[in-house]
Protein backbone atom coordinates (compact mmCIF):
# COMPACT_ATOMS: atom_id res chain seq x y z
CA MET A 1 3.73 45.12 18.69
CA LEU A 2 3.31 41.39 18.80
CA GLN A 3 1.08 39.85 16.14
CA ILE A 4 -2.03 38.31 17.73
CA LEU A 5 -3.03 35.02 16.10
CA HIS A 6 -5.98 34.19 18.37
CA GLU A 7 -7.76 35.98 21.19
CA ASP A 8 -10.84 35.20 23.27
CA GLU A 9 -11.98 36.08 26.78
CA HIS A 10 -9.49 33.71 28.40
CA LEU A 11 -6.61 32.95 26.02
CA LEU A 12 -4.28 34.67 23.61
CA VAL A 13 -1.83 33.28 21.07
CA VAL A 14 0.87 35.53 19.62
CA ASN A 15 3.59 35.18 17.02
CA LYS A 16 6.84 35.36 18.98
CA PRO A 17 9.70 36.72 16.87
CA ALA A 18 13.02 34.89 16.83
CA GLY A 19 15.48 36.37 19.31
CA LEU A 20 12.85 37.50 21.82
CA LEU A 21 12.80 35.95 25.30
CA VAL A 22 9.45 34.68 26.58
CA HIS A 23 10.11 36.12 30.05
CA LYS A 24 13.02 37.04 32.33
CA THR A 25 15.59 34.30 32.85
CA ARG A 26 18.72 33.85 34.95
CA GLN A 27 20.71 33.24 31.78
CA ALA A 28 19.77 36.70 30.45
CA PHE A 29 20.03 38.59 33.74
CA GLY A 30 19.47 42.31 33.35
CA GLU A 31 17.78 42.06 29.96
CA GLU A 32 14.36 43.69 30.25
CA GLU A 33 12.91 43.08 26.77
CA ASN A 34 10.73 39.98 26.55
CA ALA A 35 7.39 38.80 25.13
CA LEU A 36 5.61 38.93 28.50
CA ILE A 37 6.42 42.58 29.18
CA ARG A 38 5.81 43.57 25.57
CA LEU A 39 2.38 41.93 25.53
CA ARG A 40 1.34 43.36 28.92
CA ASP A 41 2.24 46.83 27.69
CA GLN A 42 0.49 46.22 24.38
CA LEU A 43 -2.78 45.08 26.02
CA GLY A 44 -2.61 47.11 29.20
CA SER A 45 -3.67 44.08 31.22
CA TRP A 46 -2.34 40.98 33.00
CA VAL A 47 -1.23 37.98 30.94
CA SER A 48 0.98 34.99 31.71
CA PRO A 49 2.76 32.57 29.34
CA VAL A 50 1.45 29.01 29.51
CA HIS A 51 4.49 27.37 27.92
CA ARG A 52 7.92 28.35 26.65
CA LEU A 53 9.76 28.66 23.37
CA ASP A 54 13.52 28.90 23.02
CA ARG A 55 14.69 32.46 22.52
CA ALA A 56 15.90 31.57 19.01
CA THR A 57 12.61 29.87 18.03
CA SER A 58 9.79 31.83 16.41
CA GLY A 59 6.07 31.13 16.26
CA CYS A 60 2.96 30.29 18.29
CA LEU A 61 3.15 31.26 21.95
CA LEU A 62 0.12 30.80 24.22
CA PHE A 63 -0.80 33.18 27.05
CA ALA A 64 -3.50 33.03 29.70
CA LYS A 65 -5.50 36.24 30.27
CA ASN A 66 -6.58 35.42 33.82
CA GLU A 67 -5.44 33.34 36.77
CA VAL A 68 -8.46 31.03 36.59
CA ILE A 69 -7.65 29.63 33.15
CA LEU A 70 -3.87 29.45 33.69
CA PRO A 71 -3.68 26.18 35.72
CA GLN A 72 -6.28 24.55 33.48
CA VAL A 73 -4.27 25.18 30.32
CA LYS A 74 -1.00 24.24 31.99
CA GLN A 75 -2.63 20.94 32.91
CA LEU A 76 -3.42 20.34 29.23
CA PHE A 77 0.29 20.60 28.47
CA MET A 78 1.19 18.32 31.37
CA ASP A 79 -1.36 15.77 30.17
CA ARG A 80 0.02 16.05 26.62
CA LYS A 81 -3.34 17.18 25.27
CA VAL A 82 -1.82 20.07 23.31
CA LYS A 83 -0.48 19.18 19.88
CA LYS A 84 2.55 21.33 19.05
CA VAL A 85 3.88 21.16 15.50
CA TYR A 86 7.12 22.78 14.41
CA LEU A 87 8.73 23.41 11.03
CA CYS A 88 12.49 23.34 10.56
CA ILE A 89 15.04 23.22 7.76
CA ALA A 90 17.73 20.65 8.39
CA ARG A 91 20.92 19.39 6.83
CA GLY A 92 20.48 16.20 4.81
CA ILE A 93 17.44 14.05 4.12
CA PRO A 94 16.47 11.31 6.58
CA LEU A 95 16.41 7.81 5.07
CA GLU A 96 13.03 7.24 6.69
CA LYS A 97 10.59 9.91 5.58
CA SER A 98 8.74 9.75 8.88
CA GLY A 99 9.31 8.26 12.30
CA VAL A 100 9.83 8.89 16.00
CA ILE A 101 13.14 9.87 17.55
CA ASP A 102 13.06 8.08 20.90
CA HIS A 103 16.25 9.18 22.63
CA PRO A 104 16.62 10.17 26.30
CA LEU A 105 18.06 13.62 26.96
CA LYS A 106 20.08 14.73 29.95
CA SER A 107 18.44 17.38 32.13
CA GLU A 108 20.48 20.59 32.18
CA ARG A 109 19.52 21.08 35.84
CA SER A 110 19.79 17.65 37.43
CA GLY A 111 22.01 15.91 34.91
CA LYS A 112 19.64 12.93 34.90
CA LEU A 113 18.45 11.27 31.71
CA GLN A 114 14.82 12.01 30.84
CA VAL A 115 12.51 10.25 28.41
CA ALA A 116 12.22 12.30 25.20
CA GLN A 117 10.32 11.56 21.97
CA SER A 118 9.89 13.59 18.80
CA LYS A 119 7.77 12.58 15.82
CA PHE A 120 9.01 13.85 12.44
CA GLN A 121 7.97 13.86 8.81
CA VAL A 122 9.88 15.00 5.72
CA ILE A 123 7.67 17.33 3.69
CA ARG A 124 10.19 18.82 1.24
CA GLU A 125 13.59 17.79 -0.10
CA ALA A 126 16.33 19.67 -1.94
CA GLU A 127 19.73 18.88 -3.44
CA MET A 128 21.70 22.04 -4.15
CA PRO A 129 24.62 22.46 -6.59
CA PHE A 130 27.01 23.84 -3.99
CA ASN A 131 29.44 22.42 -1.47
CA SER A 132 28.66 23.69 2.00
CA THR A 133 30.82 21.29 4.04
CA GLY A 134 33.90 20.63 1.91
CA ARG A 135 33.09 16.92 1.53
CA TYR A 136 30.63 16.52 -1.36
CA PRO A 137 29.93 18.37 -4.65
CA THR A 138 26.28 18.90 -3.72
CA SER A 139 24.39 19.58 -0.49
CA ARG A 140 21.04 18.13 0.58
CA TYR A 141 18.39 19.64 2.82
CA SER A 142 14.92 18.85 4.09
CA LEU A 143 11.91 20.73 5.37
CA LEU A 144 10.67 18.78 8.38
CA GLU A 145 7.48 18.82 10.37
CA VAL A 146 8.26 17.85 13.97
CA GLU A 147 5.86 17.13 16.82
CA PRO A 148 7.52 16.76 20.23
CA HIS A 149 5.75 14.25 22.47
CA THR A 150 7.70 15.45 25.50
CA GLY A 151 8.93 18.90 26.48
CA ARG A 152 12.66 18.75 27.21
CA THR A 153 15.00 21.71 26.88
CA HIS A 154 16.06 22.20 23.24
CA GLN A 155 14.44 18.84 22.51
CA ILE A 156 13.93 19.16 18.75
CA ARG A 157 17.35 20.69 18.23
CA ARG A 158 19.08 17.98 20.28
CA HIS A 159 17.09 15.14 18.72
CA LEU A 160 17.86 16.22 15.16
CA ALA A 161 21.51 16.64 16.11
CA HIS A 162 21.40 13.09 17.49
CA ILE A 163 20.40 11.72 14.07
CA ARG A 164 22.86 14.13 12.38
CA HIS A 165 20.23 16.21 10.62
CA TYR A 166 21.26 19.49 12.20
CA ILE A 167 18.90 22.47 12.01
CA LEU A 168 20.35 25.33 9.97
CA GLY A 169 21.34 28.30 12.10
CA ASP A 170 21.61 26.27 15.32
CA LYS A 171 24.78 27.62 16.88
CA LYS A 172 24.62 25.42 19.98
CA HIS A 173 23.60 22.00 18.63
CA GLY A 174 24.14 22.47 14.87
CA ASP A 175 26.78 22.07 12.18
CA ASN A 176 29.24 24.97 12.26
CA LYS A 177 30.29 24.52 8.62
CA GLN A 178 26.69 24.67 7.43
CA ASN A 179 25.96 27.66 9.63
CA THR A 180 29.03 29.53 8.38
CA TYR A 181 28.17 28.79 4.74
CA PHE A 182 24.60 30.06 5.04
CA GLU A 183 25.67 33.08 7.06
CA THR A 184 28.36 34.00 4.54
CA HIS A 185 26.38 33.39 1.34
CA TYR A 186 22.80 34.11 2.44
CA GLN A 187 23.23 36.29 5.57
CA LEU A 188 21.37 33.77 7.73
CA GLN A 189 21.57 34.89 11.35
CA ASN A 190 18.65 32.91 12.76
CA LEU A 191 17.73 29.40 13.80
CA LEU A 192 15.40 27.82 11.22
CA LEU A 193 12.99 26.35 13.78
CA HIS A 194 9.44 27.67 13.89
CA ALA A 195 6.47 26.82 16.14
CA TRP A 196 3.96 26.46 13.32
CA LYS A 197 0.80 25.05 14.90
CA LEU A 198 -1.05 24.60 18.20
CA ASP A 199 -4.08 22.29 18.43
CA PHE A 200 -6.05 21.83 21.66
CA VAL A 201 -9.54 21.87 23.13
CA HIS A 202 -10.35 25.12 24.90
CA PRO A 203 -10.88 24.29 28.62
CA ILE A 204 -13.84 26.70 28.94
CA SER A 205 -15.67 26.65 25.60
CA GLN A 206 -14.67 23.06 24.73
CA GLN A 207 -14.01 24.33 21.21
CA LEU A 208 -11.20 22.74 19.21
CA LEU A 209 -8.64 25.44 18.50
CA GLN A 210 -6.27 24.97 15.57
CA ILE A 211 -3.93 27.94 15.39
CA THR A 212 -1.20 28.34 12.79
CA CYS A 213 1.52 30.93 12.35
CA PRO A 214 3.34 31.69 9.06
CA PRO A 215 7.12 31.28 9.20
CA PRO A 216 9.19 34.47 9.47
CA LEU A 217 10.91 36.13 6.52
CA HIS A 218 14.34 34.62 7.23
CA PHE A 219 12.77 31.12 7.11
CA GLN A 220 10.90 31.94 3.92
CA LYS A 221 14.06 33.32 2.27
CA ILE A 222 16.03 30.10 2.79
CA SER A 223 13.02 28.03 1.69
CA GLU A 224 12.93 30.00 -1.54
CA ILE A 225 16.69 29.59 -2.07
CA LEU A 226 16.31 25.83 -1.66
CA GLY A 227 13.74 25.81 -4.46
CA TRP A 228 10.60 25.14 -2.44
CA GLY A 229 9.08 28.55 -3.08
CA GLY A 230 5.54 29.41 -2.07
CA ASN A 231 3.69 27.16 -4.51
CA MET A 232 2.88 24.29 -2.17
CA GLU A 233 -0.10 22.57 -3.78
CA ASP A 234 -0.01 19.39 -1.69
CA PRO A 235 -2.68 19.85 1.04
CA LYS A 236 -0.41 18.06 3.52
CA LEU A 237 2.20 20.79 3.20
CA PRO A 238 2.19 24.03 5.18
CA LYS A 239 1.01 27.06 3.22
CA PHE A 240 3.02 30.24 3.49
CA ASP A 241 3.71 33.03 1.02
CA LEU A 242 7.24 33.96 0.04
CA LEU A 243 8.49 37.37 -0.99
C-alpha cells in the first residue's frame, strides 16, 4: 500500500517509493506496476496524477480524485504556484552555500534548449576520512535543499551534474566512481533524491497546504553514515528520524 500523506474530498498526496513508475510509459513498455494502478486498487476509485516524479525519485506525489479538480491543479503547476522542495545528497560542497542554477537544458523530445532554473541551499556538510574517487585522501558531501523553478526532465540531476556536484546513486547523470564506492561499501542501490515538500493553495478550499514526506530508509542510512544523524536542532533543517 502507498502511504497517504494528505487526503481531502478532491486531492490526495502519497509517498512514492523509489523505483516505482508514476504511470505507464513508452520507456517501460509492458511493465504493469505503477503508482497510478496501485493507488486506484488501494482506494477502489478513480485518481489521476497531477505531476510526475522520476522513477528513481521518492517522495510527495499529488493526485486528483475527480476530473473537475484535475485541470485546476495542473494549472497551478503551469503557473508555477506550487512550491516543490527536494532533498538530495551530493558529491562535494558548493562554494556558494545558496544560489540559483540558471542553465538551459536540451529537450529529450525536440532537442531544443529550454530555460531551466533550480534554486539550491546547502543545509549540511561532511568531510569523510575515505577516498571514494582515487584523487584525494578525504571525500566531501553535502545535503542540499533544491527548489526547481521550471519542470524539465531530470532537471535537478542535470543541473547538479552541470556544477559537478553529482547526486549519489545517479547512474545516468552522476559520478560512476562515487556510485561504485557507495554501492560496494554501503550497498547503496538508489538515487539520493527525494521530493520532500509540496506547498500550494488548495483551488477549492483556498487553504494553504504544506505537505512533507520523510526521506526513505536508504536516504536516512547514508545521512547517518555521513555523520548528520537524526539530531537536527536547527529549525531550518528538515526533521527526519534515523534508525
